[in-house]
C-alpha atoms as a PDB file:
ATOM      1  CA  UNK A   1      -9.249  12.536 -25.176  1.00  0.00           C
ATOM      2  CA  UNK A   2      -8.183  13.347 -21.616  1.00  0.00           C
ATOM      3  CA  UNK A   3      -5.647  10.523 -21.910  1.00  0.00           C
ATOM      4  CA  UNK A   4      -3.896  12.369 -24.739  1.00  0.00           C
ATOM      5  CA  UNK A   5      -3.850  15.591 -22.740  1.00  0.00           C
ATOM      6  CA  UNK A   6      -2.394  13.819 -19.709  1.00  0.00           C
ATOM      7  CA  UNK A   7       0.242  12.217 -21.927  1.00  0.00           C
ATOM      8  CA  UNK A   8       1.351  15.621 -23.233  1.00  0.00           C
ATOM      9  CA  UNK A   9       1.390  16.996 -19.700  1.00  0.00           C
ATOM     10  CA  UNK A  10       3.429  14.069 -18.344  1.00  0.00           C
ATOM     11  CA  UNK A  11       5.959  14.084 -21.185  1.00  0.00           C
ATOM     12  CA  UNK A  12       6.458  17.849 -20.935  1.00  0.00           C
ATOM     13  CA  UNK A  13       7.019  17.510 -17.178  1.00  0.00           C
ATOM     14  CA  UNK A  14       9.493  14.682 -17.663  1.00  0.00           C
ATOM     15  CA  UNK A  15      11.547  16.959 -19.918  1.00  0.00           C
ATOM     16  CA  UNK A  16      11.984  19.346 -16.993  1.00  0.00           C
ATOM     17  CA  UNK A  17      12.635  16.477 -14.578  1.00  0.00           C
ATOM     18  CA  UNK A  18      15.407  15.296 -16.929  1.00  0.00           C
ATOM     19  CA  UNK A  19      17.457  18.253 -15.708  1.00  0.00           C
ATOM     20  CA  UNK A  20      16.423  17.401 -12.112  1.00  0.00           C
ATOM     21  CA  UNK A  21      14.197  20.446 -11.677  1.00  0.00           C
ATOM     22  CA  UNK A  22      11.366  18.747  -9.807  1.00  0.00           C
ATOM     23  CA  UNK A  23       8.821  21.527  -9.272  1.00  0.00           C
ATOM     24  CA  UNK A  24       5.186  22.056  -8.336  1.00  0.00           C
ATOM     25  CA  UNK A  25       4.067  24.691 -10.828  1.00  0.00           C
ATOM     26  CA  UNK A  26       3.762  22.611 -13.992  1.00  0.00           C
ATOM     27  CA  UNK A  27       0.017  22.161 -13.625  1.00  0.00           C
ATOM     28  CA  UNK A  28      -0.336  25.935 -13.232  1.00  0.00           C
ATOM     29  CA  UNK A  29       1.456  26.359 -16.581  1.00  0.00           C
ATOM     30  CA  UNK A  30      -1.143  23.935 -17.922  1.00  0.00           C
ATOM     31  CA  UNK A  31      -3.727  26.349 -16.512  1.00  0.00           C
ATOM     32  CA  UNK A  32      -1.979  29.404 -17.967  1.00  0.00           C
ATOM     33  CA  UNK A  33      -2.277  27.827 -21.404  1.00  0.00           C
ATOM     34  CA  UNK A  34      -5.946  27.024 -20.787  1.00  0.00           C
ATOM     35  CA  UNK A  35      -6.833  30.518 -19.550  1.00  0.00           C
ATOM     36  CA  UNK A  36      -4.844  32.280 -22.260  1.00  0.00           C
ATOM     37  CA  UNK A  37      -6.260  30.207 -25.090  1.00  0.00           C
ATOM     38  CA  UNK A  38      -9.824  30.500 -23.776  1.00  0.00           C
ATOM     39  CA  UNK A  39      -9.632  34.256 -23.195  1.00  0.00           C
ATOM     40  CA  UNK A  40      -8.039  34.941 -26.575  1.00  0.00           C
ATOM     41  CA  UNK A  41     -10.725  32.956 -28.365  1.00  0.00           C
ATOM     42  CA  UNK A  42     -13.643  34.365 -26.349  1.00  0.00           C
ATOM     43  CA  UNK A  43     -12.650  37.984 -25.750  1.00  0.00           C
ATOM     44  CA  UNK A  44     -10.545  38.799 -28.800  1.00  0.00           C
ATOM     45  CA  UNK A  45     -12.003  36.434 -31.368  1.00  0.00           C
ATOM     46  CA  UNK A  46      -8.693  34.685 -32.055  1.00  0.00           C
ATOM     47  CA  UNK A  47      -9.288  31.454 -34.018  1.00  0.00           C
ATOM     48  CA  UNK A  48      -9.147  28.393 -31.780  1.00  0.00           C
ATOM     49  CA  UNK A  49      -6.362  26.718 -33.727  1.00  0.00           C
ATOM     50  CA  UNK A  50      -4.247  29.861 -33.325  1.00  0.00           C
ATOM     51  CA  UNK A  51      -5.234  30.465 -29.689  1.00  0.00           C
ATOM     52  CA  UNK A  52      -3.950  27.034 -28.566  1.00  0.00           C
ATOM     53  CA  UNK A  53      -0.277  27.574 -29.568  1.00  0.00           C
ATOM     54  CA  UNK A  54      -0.463  31.176 -28.321  1.00  0.00           C
ATOM     55  CA  UNK A  55      -1.564  29.795 -24.967  1.00  0.00           C
ATOM     56  CA  UNK A  56       1.460  27.510 -25.079  1.00  0.00           C
ATOM     57  CA  UNK A  57       3.732  30.486 -25.770  1.00  0.00           C
ATOM     58  CA  UNK A  58       2.373  32.423 -22.776  1.00  0.00           C
ATOM     59  CA  UNK A  59       2.744  29.353 -20.553  1.00  0.00           C
ATOM     60  CA  UNK A  60       6.340  29.047 -21.738  1.00  0.00           C
ATOM     61  CA  UNK A  61       7.030  32.677 -20.777  1.00  0.00           C
ATOM     62  CA  UNK A  62       5.390  32.088 -17.387  1.00  0.00           C
ATOM     63  CA  UNK A  63       7.612  29.069 -16.769  1.00  0.00           C
ATOM     64  CA  UNK A  64      10.734  31.056 -17.650  1.00  0.00           C
ATOM     65  CA  UNK A  65       9.621  33.947 -15.420  1.00  0.00           C
ATOM     66  CA  UNK A  66       9.027  31.700 -12.404  1.00  0.00           C
ATOM     67  CA  UNK A  67      12.276  29.800 -12.866  1.00  0.00           C
ATOM     68  CA  UNK A  68      14.261  33.033 -13.354  1.00  0.00           C
ATOM     69  CA  UNK A  69      13.094  34.253  -9.960  1.00  0.00           C
ATOM     70  CA  UNK A  70      14.113  30.978  -8.313  1.00  0.00           C
ATOM     71  CA  UNK A  71      17.433  30.232 -10.040  1.00  0.00           C
ATOM     72  CA  UNK A  72      19.363  30.896  -6.832  1.00  0.00           C
ATOM     73  CA  UNK A  73      17.375  28.294  -4.905  1.00  0.00           C
ATOM     74  CA  UNK A  74      18.163  24.579  -4.918  1.00  0.00           C
ATOM     75  CA  UNK A  75      16.695  21.328  -3.657  1.00  0.00           C
ATOM     76  CA  UNK A  76      13.777  21.576  -1.259  1.00  0.00           C
ATOM     77  CA  UNK A  77      13.964  25.377  -1.269  1.00  0.00           C
ATOM     78  CA  UNK A  78      13.302  25.433  -5.000  1.00  0.00           C
ATOM     79  CA  UNK A  79      10.638  22.749  -4.690  1.00  0.00           C
ATOM     80  CA  UNK A  80       8.627  24.578  -2.012  1.00  0.00           C
ATOM     81  CA  UNK A  81       9.086  28.016  -3.587  1.00  0.00           C
ATOM     82  CA  UNK A  82       7.618  26.759  -6.871  1.00  0.00           C
ATOM     83  CA  UNK A  83       4.512  25.657  -4.993  1.00  0.00           C
ATOM     84  CA  UNK A  84       4.164  29.114  -3.423  1.00  0.00           C
ATOM     85  CA  UNK A  85       4.406  30.920  -6.750  1.00  0.00           C
ATOM     86  CA  UNK A  86       2.048  28.434  -8.381  1.00  0.00           C
ATOM     87  CA  UNK A  87      -0.564  29.017  -5.688  1.00  0.00           C
ATOM     88  CA  UNK A  88      -0.128  32.788  -6.091  1.00  0.00           C
ATOM     89  CA  UNK A  89      -1.033  32.506  -9.753  1.00  0.00           C
ATOM     90  CA  UNK A  90      -3.913  30.098  -9.176  1.00  0.00           C
ATOM     91  CA  UNK A  91      -5.391  32.167  -6.340  1.00  0.00           C
ATOM     92  CA  UNK A  92      -5.260  35.261  -8.551  1.00  0.00           C
ATOM     93  CA  UNK A  93      -7.517  33.417 -10.991  1.00  0.00           C
ATOM     94  CA  UNK A  94      -9.936  32.748  -8.142  1.00  0.00           C
ATOM     95  CA  UNK A  95      -9.727  36.258  -6.684  1.00  0.00           C
ATOM     96  CA  UNK A  96     -10.203  38.431  -9.767  1.00  0.00           C
ATOM     97  CA  UNK A  97     -13.531  38.032 -11.495  1.00  0.00           C
ATOM     98  CA  UNK A  98     -12.363  40.358 -14.234  1.00  0.00           C
ATOM     99  CA  UNK A  99     -10.806  38.995 -16.420  1.00  0.00           C
ATOM    100  CA  UNK A 100     -10.438  35.478 -14.952  1.00  0.00           C
ATOM    101  CA  UNK A 101     -14.021  34.850 -13.890  1.00  0.00           C
ATOM    102  CA  UNK A 102     -13.197  34.351 -10.206  1.00  0.00           C
ATOM    103  CA  UNK A 103     -13.821  31.043  -8.462  1.00  0.00           C
ATOM    104  CA  UNK A 104     -16.410  30.010 -11.055  1.00  0.00           C
ATOM    105  CA  UNK A 105     -13.985  30.402 -13.954  1.00  0.00           C
ATOM    106  CA  UNK A 106     -14.894  31.326 -17.524  1.00  0.00           C
ATOM    107  CA  UNK A 107     -17.718  29.790 -19.518  1.00  0.00           C
ATOM    108  CA  UNK A 108     -18.883  29.978 -23.141  1.00  0.00           C
ATOM    109  CA  UNK A 109     -15.389  29.507 -24.507  1.00  0.00           C
ATOM    110  CA  UNK A 110     -15.576  28.874 -28.257  1.00  0.00           C
ATOM    111  CA  UNK A 111     -15.322  25.339 -29.551  1.00  0.00           C
ATOM    112  CA  UNK A 112     -13.164  24.520 -32.595  1.00  0.00           C
ATOM    113  CA  UNK A 113     -14.714  25.491 -35.936  1.00  0.00           C
ATOM    114  CA  UNK A 114     -15.700  23.452 -38.968  1.00  0.00           C
ATOM    115  CA  UNK A 115     -12.705  22.985 -41.280  1.00  0.00           C
ATOM    116  CA  UNK A 116     -12.994  21.367 -44.713  1.00  0.00           C
ATOM    117  CA  UNK A 117     -16.409  20.031 -43.765  1.00  0.00           C
ATOM    118  CA  UNK A 118     -15.128  18.476 -40.513  1.00  0.00           C
ATOM    119  CA  UNK A 119     -16.785  19.734 -37.339  1.00  0.00           C
ATOM    120  CA  UNK A 120     -13.947  19.666 -34.813  1.00  0.00           C
ATOM    121  CA  UNK A 121     -16.331  20.572 -32.008  1.00  0.00           C
ATOM    122  CA  UNK A 122     -17.810  17.078 -32.256  1.00  0.00           C
ATOM    123  CA  UNK A 123     -16.370  14.377 -30.026  1.00  0.00           C
ATOM    124  CA  UNK A 124     -14.836  12.034 -32.609  1.00  0.00           C
ATOM    125  CA  UNK A 125     -13.109  14.689 -34.791  1.00  0.00           C
ATOM    126  CA  UNK A 126     -11.725  16.398 -31.693  1.00  0.00           C
ATOM    127  CA  UNK A 127     -10.558  13.027 -30.413  1.00  0.00           C
ATOM    128  CA  UNK A 128      -8.465  12.475 -33.532  1.00  0.00           C
ATOM    129  CA  UNK A 129      -7.294  16.092 -33.514  1.00  0.00           C
ATOM    130  CA  UNK A 130      -6.040  15.646 -29.948  1.00  0.00           C
ATOM    131  CA  UNK A 131      -4.444  12.333 -30.897  1.00  0.00           C
ATOM    132  CA  UNK A 132      -2.616  14.004 -33.790  1.00  0.00           C
ATOM    133  CA  UNK A 133      -1.365  16.837 -31.589  1.00  0.00           C
ATOM    134  CA  UNK A 134      -0.175  14.359 -28.951  1.00  0.00           C
ATOM    135  CA  UNK A 135       1.721  12.256 -31.504  1.00  0.00           C
ATOM    136  CA  UNK A 136       3.398  15.322 -33.005  1.00  0.00           C
ATOM    137  CA  UNK A 137       4.459  16.604 -29.586  1.00  0.00           C
ATOM    138  CA  UNK A 138       5.733  13.202 -28.494  1.00  0.00           C
ATOM    139  CA  UNK A 139       7.771  12.912 -31.684  1.00  0.00           C
ATOM    140  CA  UNK A 140       9.241  16.383 -31.117  1.00  0.00           C
ATOM    141  CA  UNK A 141      10.151  15.546 -27.518  1.00  0.00           C
ATOM    142  CA  UNK A 142      11.590  12.193 -28.585  1.00  0.00           C
ATOM    143  CA  UNK A 143      13.828  13.875 -31.144  1.00  0.00           C
ATOM    144  CA  UNK A 144      14.745  16.592 -28.670  1.00  0.00           C
ATOM    145  CA  UNK A 145      15.908  14.045 -26.109  1.00  0.00           C
ATOM    146  CA  UNK A 146      18.296  12.582 -28.666  1.00  0.00           C
ATOM    147  CA  UNK A 147      19.640  15.956 -29.750  1.00  0.00           C
ATOM    148  CA  UNK A 148      22.521  17.987 -28.350  1.00  0.00           C
ATOM    149  CA  UNK A 149      20.044  19.867 -26.184  1.00  0.00           C
ATOM    150  CA  UNK A 150      18.846  16.604 -24.636  1.00  0.00           C
ATOM    151  CA  UNK A 151      22.447  15.550 -24.036  1.00  0.00           C
ATOM    152  CA  UNK A 152      23.096  18.862 -22.277  1.00  0.00           C
ATOM    153  CA  UNK A 153      20.078  18.321 -20.016  1.00  0.00           C
ATOM    154  CA  UNK A 154      21.325  14.848 -19.075  1.00  0.00           C
ATOM    155  CA  UNK A 155      24.831  16.144 -18.435  1.00  0.00           C
ATOM    156  CA  UNK A 156      23.498  18.778 -16.035  1.00  0.00           C
ATOM    157  CA  UNK A 157      21.411  16.138 -14.287  1.00  0.00           C
ATOM    158  CA  UNK A 158      24.270  13.660 -13.882  1.00  0.00           C
ATOM    159  CA  UNK A 159      26.984  16.069 -12.686  1.00  0.00           C
ATOM    160  CA  UNK A 160      26.275  19.830 -12.687  1.00  0.00           C
ATOM    161  CA  UNK A 161      29.855  20.787 -11.790  1.00  0.00           C
ATOM    162  CA  UNK A 162      31.341  18.647 -14.543  1.00  0.00           C
ATOM    163  CA  UNK A 163      28.788  19.983 -17.032  1.00  0.00           C
ATOM    164  CA  UNK A 164      29.626  23.572 -16.075  1.00  0.00           C
ATOM    165  CA  UNK A 165      33.349  22.859 -16.492  1.00  0.00           C
ATOM    166  CA  UNK A 166      32.717  21.858 -20.121  1.00  0.00           C
ATOM    167  CA  UNK A 167      31.100  25.203 -20.864  1.00  0.00           C
ATOM    168  CA  UNK A 168      27.437  24.294 -20.372  1.00  0.00           C
ATOM    169  CA  UNK A 169      25.489  27.157 -18.770  1.00  0.00           C
ATOM    170  CA  UNK A 170      23.363  25.503 -16.109  1.00  0.00           C
ATOM    171  CA  UNK A 171      20.967  28.478 -15.608  1.00  0.00           C
ATOM    172  CA  UNK A 172      20.444  28.695 -19.364  1.00  0.00           C
ATOM    173  CA  UNK A 173      19.705  24.969 -19.624  1.00  0.00           C
ATOM    174  CA  UNK A 174      17.240  25.141 -16.722  1.00  0.00           C
ATOM    175  CA  UNK A 175      15.421  28.063 -18.327  1.00  0.00           C
ATOM    176  CA  UNK A 176      15.381  26.322 -21.708  1.00  0.00           C
ATOM    177  CA  UNK A 177      13.903  23.145 -20.200  1.00  0.00           C
ATOM    178  CA  UNK A 178      11.184  25.152 -18.460  1.00  0.00           C
ATOM    179  CA  UNK A 179      10.441  27.116 -21.633  1.00  0.00           C
ATOM    180  CA  UNK A 180       9.995  23.980 -23.756  1.00  0.00           C
ATOM    181  CA  UNK A 181       8.116  22.022 -21.090  1.00  0.00           C
ATOM    182  CA  UNK A 182       5.885  25.004 -20.307  1.00  0.00           C
ATOM    183  CA  UNK A 183       5.031  25.477 -23.986  1.00  0.00           C
ATOM    184  CA  UNK A 184       3.752  21.940 -24.386  1.00  0.00           C
ATOM    185  CA  UNK A 185       1.937  22.069 -21.035  1.00  0.00           C
ATOM    186  CA  UNK A 186       0.163  25.213 -22.258  1.00  0.00           C
ATOM    187  CA  UNK A 187      -0.892  23.453 -25.448  1.00  0.00           C
ATOM    188  CA  UNK A 188      -2.366  20.645 -23.330  1.00  0.00           C
ATOM    189  CA  UNK A 189      -4.348  23.283 -21.427  1.00  0.00           C
ATOM    190  CA  UNK A 190      -5.640  24.757 -24.681  1.00  0.00           C
ATOM    191  CA  UNK A 191      -6.781  21.338 -25.881  1.00  0.00           C
ATOM    192  CA  UNK A 192      -8.661  20.851 -22.610  1.00  0.00           C
ATOM    193  CA  UNK A 193     -10.429  24.202 -22.466  1.00  0.00           C
ATOM    194  CA  UNK A 194     -11.703  24.145 -26.052  1.00  0.00           C
ATOM    195  CA  UNK A 195     -13.200  20.719 -25.498  1.00  0.00           C
ATOM    196  CA  UNK A 196     -14.892  21.624 -22.208  1.00  0.00           C
ATOM    197  CA  UNK A 197     -16.002  25.076 -23.366  1.00  0.00           C
ATOM    198  CA  UNK A 198     -15.080  26.411 -19.918  1.00  0.00           C
ATOM    199  CA  UNK A 199     -12.118  26.797 -17.587  1.00  0.00           C
ATOM    200  CA  UNK A 200     -12.154  26.475 -13.804  1.00  0.00           C
ATOM    201  CA  UNK A 201      -9.219  27.244 -11.447  1.00  0.00           C
ATOM    202  CA  UNK A 202     -10.037  24.109  -9.461  1.00  0.00           C
ATOM    203  CA  UNK A 203      -8.796  22.043 -12.403  1.00  0.00           C
ATOM    204  CA  UNK A 204      -5.234  23.191 -11.704  1.00  0.00           C
ATOM    205  CA  UNK A 205      -4.916  22.715  -7.952  1.00  0.00           C
ATOM    206  CA  UNK A 206      -2.333  20.771  -5.948  1.00  0.00           C
ATOM    207  CA  UNK A 207      -4.335  17.536  -6.272  1.00  0.00           C
ATOM    208  CA  UNK A 208      -3.857  17.568 -10.042  1.00  0.00           C
ATOM    209  CA  UNK A 209      -0.156  18.291  -9.526  1.00  0.00           C
ATOM    210  CA  UNK A 210       0.100  15.297  -7.191  1.00  0.00           C
ATOM    211  CA  UNK A 211      -1.530  13.109  -9.829  1.00  0.00           C
ATOM    212  CA  UNK A 212       1.104  14.299 -12.308  1.00  0.00           C
ATOM    213  CA  UNK A 213       3.876  13.417  -9.865  1.00  0.00           C
ATOM    214  CA  UNK A 214       2.337   9.966  -9.377  1.00  0.00           C
ATOM    215  CA  UNK A 215       2.237   9.345 -13.153  1.00  0.00           C
ATOM    216  CA  UNK A 216       5.906  10.250 -13.456  1.00  0.00           C
ATOM    217  CA  UNK A 217       7.067   8.303 -10.391  1.00  0.00           C
ATOM    218  CA  UNK A 218       5.061   5.195 -11.276  1.00  0.00           C
ATOM    219  CA  UNK A 219       6.235   5.215 -14.889  1.00  0.00           C
ATOM    220  CA  UNK A 220       9.836   6.237 -14.223  1.00  0.00           C
ATOM    221  CA  UNK A 221      11.964   9.067 -15.560  1.00  0.00           C
ATOM    222  CA  UNK A 222      15.044   7.286 -16.905  1.00  0.00           C
ATOM    223  CA  UNK A 223      13.654   6.823 -20.408  1.00  0.00           C
ATOM    224  CA  UNK A 224      11.225   8.510 -22.749  1.00  0.00           C
ATOM    225  CA  UNK A 225       8.719   5.677 -22.349  1.00  0.00           C
ATOM    226  CA  UNK A 226       8.413   5.930 -18.572  1.00  0.00           C
ATOM    227  CA  UNK A 227       5.605   8.530 -18.594  1.00  0.00           C
ATOM    228  CA  UNK A 228       3.822   6.531 -21.305  1.00  0.00           C
ATOM    229  CA  UNK A 229       3.691   3.525 -18.973  1.00  0.00           C
ATOM    230  CA  UNK A 230       2.818   5.663 -15.954  1.00  0.00           C
ATOM    231  CA  UNK A 231      -0.048   7.527 -17.598  1.00  0.00           C
ATOM    232  CA  UNK A 232      -1.410   4.388 -19.274  1.00  0.00           C
ATOM    233  CA  UNK A 233      -1.477   2.346 -16.051  1.00  0.00           C
ATOM    234  CA  UNK A 234      -2.703   5.142 -13.807  1.00  0.00           C
ATOM    235  CA  UNK A 235      -5.344   6.253 -16.311  1.00  0.00           C
ATOM    236  CA  UNK A 236      -6.696   2.708 -16.323  1.00  0.00           C
ATOM    237  CA  UNK A 237      -6.751   2.687 -12.509  1.00  0.00           C
ATOM    238  CA  UNK A 238      -8.339   6.140 -12.561  1.00  0.00           C
ATOM    239  CA  UNK A 239     -11.226   4.852 -14.651  1.00  0.00           C
ATOM    240  CA  UNK A 240     -11.605   1.645 -12.639  1.00  0.00           C
ATOM    241  CA  UNK A 241     -11.652   3.571  -9.332  1.00  0.00           C
ATOM    242  CA  UNK A 242     -14.561   5.868 -10.235  1.00  0.00           C
ATOM    243  CA  UNK A 243     -16.869   4.075  -7.744  1.00  0.00           C
ATOM    244  CA  UNK A 244     -14.257   4.829  -5.049  1.00  0.00           C
ATOM    245  CA  UNK A 245     -13.932   8.513  -5.897  1.00  0.00           C
ATOM    246  CA  UNK A 246     -13.932   9.591  -2.224  1.00  0.00           C
ATOM    247  CA  UNK A 247     -10.825   7.561  -1.415  1.00  0.00           C
ATOM    248  CA  UNK A 248      -9.153   7.770  -4.824  1.00  0.00           C
ATOM    249  CA  UNK A 249      -6.299  10.071  -3.653  1.00  0.00           C
ATOM    250  CA  UNK A 250      -5.440   7.602  -0.891  1.00  0.00           C
ATOM    251  CA  UNK A 251      -5.556   4.745  -3.390  1.00  0.00           C
ATOM    252  CA  UNK A 252      -3.140   6.535  -5.722  1.00  0.00           C
ATOM    253  CA  UNK A 253      -0.896   7.518  -2.823  1.00  0.00           C
ATOM    254  CA  UNK A 254      -0.580   3.894  -1.766  1.00  0.00           C
ATOM    255  CA  UNK A 255       0.219   2.918  -5.355  1.00  0.00           C
ATOM    256  CA  UNK A 256       3.060   5.466  -5.464  1.00  0.00           C
ATOM    257  CA  UNK A 257       4.464   4.286  -2.120  1.00  0.00           C
ATOM    258  CA  UNK A 258       4.453   0.662  -3.280  1.00  0.00           C
ATOM    259  CA  UNK A 259       6.277   1.639  -6.467  1.00  0.00           C
ATOM    260  CA  UNK A 260       8.899   3.584  -4.509  1.00  0.00           C
ATOM    261  CA  UNK A 261       9.434   0.656  -2.150  1.00  0.00           C
ATOM    262  CA  UNK A 262       9.483  -2.253  -4.584  1.00  0.00           C
ATOM    263  CA  UNK A 263      10.182  -0.654  -7.993  1.00  0.00           C
ATOM    264  CA  UNK A 264      12.430   2.393  -7.411  1.00  0.00           C
ATOM    265  CA  UNK A 265      12.961   2.798 -11.152  1.00  0.00           C
ATOM    266  CA  UNK A 266       9.233   2.746 -11.854  1.00  0.00           C
ATOM    267  CA  UNK A 267       7.472   0.466 -14.295  1.00  0.00           C
ATOM    268  CA  UNK A 268      10.105   1.112 -16.946  1.00  0.00           C
ATOM    269  CA  UNK A 269      12.728  -0.333 -14.609  1.00  0.00           C
ATOM    270  CA  UNK A 270      10.662  -3.483 -14.168  1.00  0.00           C
ATOM    271  CA  UNK A 271      10.218  -3.796 -17.943  1.00  0.00           C
ATOM    272  CA  UNK A 272      13.955  -3.303 -18.500  1.00  0.00           C
ATOM    273  CA  UNK A 273      14.813  -6.037 -15.953  1.00  0.00           C
ATOM    274  CA  UNK A 274      12.296  -8.395 -17.549  1.00  0.00           C
ATOM    275  CA  UNK A 275      13.851  -7.749 -20.969  1.00  0.00           C
ATOM    276  CA  UNK A 276      17.353  -8.474 -19.638  1.00  0.00           C
ATOM    277  CA  UNK A 277      16.192 -11.743 -18.062  1.00  0.00           C
ATOM    278  CA  UNK A 278      14.432 -12.736 -21.285  1.00  0.00           C
ATOM    279  CA  UNK A 279      17.606 -12.135 -23.312  1.00  0.00           C
ATOM    280  CA  UNK A 280      19.643 -14.178 -20.838  1.00  0.00           C
ATOM    281  CA  UNK A 281      17.112 -16.997 -21.004  1.00  0.00           C
ATOM    282  CA  UNK A 282      17.228 -16.988 -24.799  1.00  0.00           C
ATOM    283  CA  UNK A 283      21.025 -16.987 -24.654  1.00  0.00           C
ATOM    284  CA  UNK A 284      21.018 -20.025 -22.372  1.00  0.00           C
ATOM    285  CA  UNK A 285      18.555 -21.864 -24.613  1.00  0.00           C
ATOM    286  CA  UNK A 286      20.626 -21.080 -27.685  1.00  0.00           C
ATOM    287  CA  UNK A 287      23.801 -22.332 -25.976  1.00  0.00           C
ATOM    288  CA  UNK A 288      22.082 -25.557 -24.914  1.00  0.00           C
ATOM    289  CA  UNK A 289      20.747 -26.094 -28.427  1.00  0.00           C
ATOM    290  CA  UNK A 290      24.248 -25.765 -29.870  1.00  0.00           C
END
């Protein structure tokens, strides 16, 4: 199930990266969705299946609010400022016991109910529920990338000045990307918290953000399928490296450095090159046969 959540998180982050807004608060938006969904379900009795999208909506608003404050910053200034604001939010969760539960977080968060005789709090039903949500979100993001909105994001990424000269509002596109990406990140947080039955601020620290960056860099950002490759490969390595948990961050860091050195386009770039070579080889064989 965690694989599906990571996939949603990585794809939602790639949407923002498409417009070249690399930032360090995406995992905190993931946490905003988790906290909001958990608190709505526990404190206000909101049904779980309604609390999850509401958590996504609040995370979307948080992403827009943070980006609005930082629209005048660019490059490394924007990158570092996003980390500062993200830590401000996360440390507020740790500082205030009421309503965030302080450093120990919130426990006894409701699990999903029984619907049509299916107990979604059980592992297998929740597994398929998470799978369904992931597939729906991936389809929506796939269609979005091929829409006019996706074309606008790519135009801003390729040449901001040229995009602005054609009438594209760069601030508006940046805010829109953060709103959409934040919404889906918040939904991923809701899926997590209602499976665990608890939420802990340590789940959304800089280490988790670094893992997200590694998934994106390893997979590549040039196509929709880059994060799919990145999460799939790194999740497998994550599971295989459980006996080496103390040095796992170093292991992943080395993996990212190797990718940057020898596969700058990520795994998707390597796959694309292999496909081109295969087509050339088939072309040569066909020519020889004729």
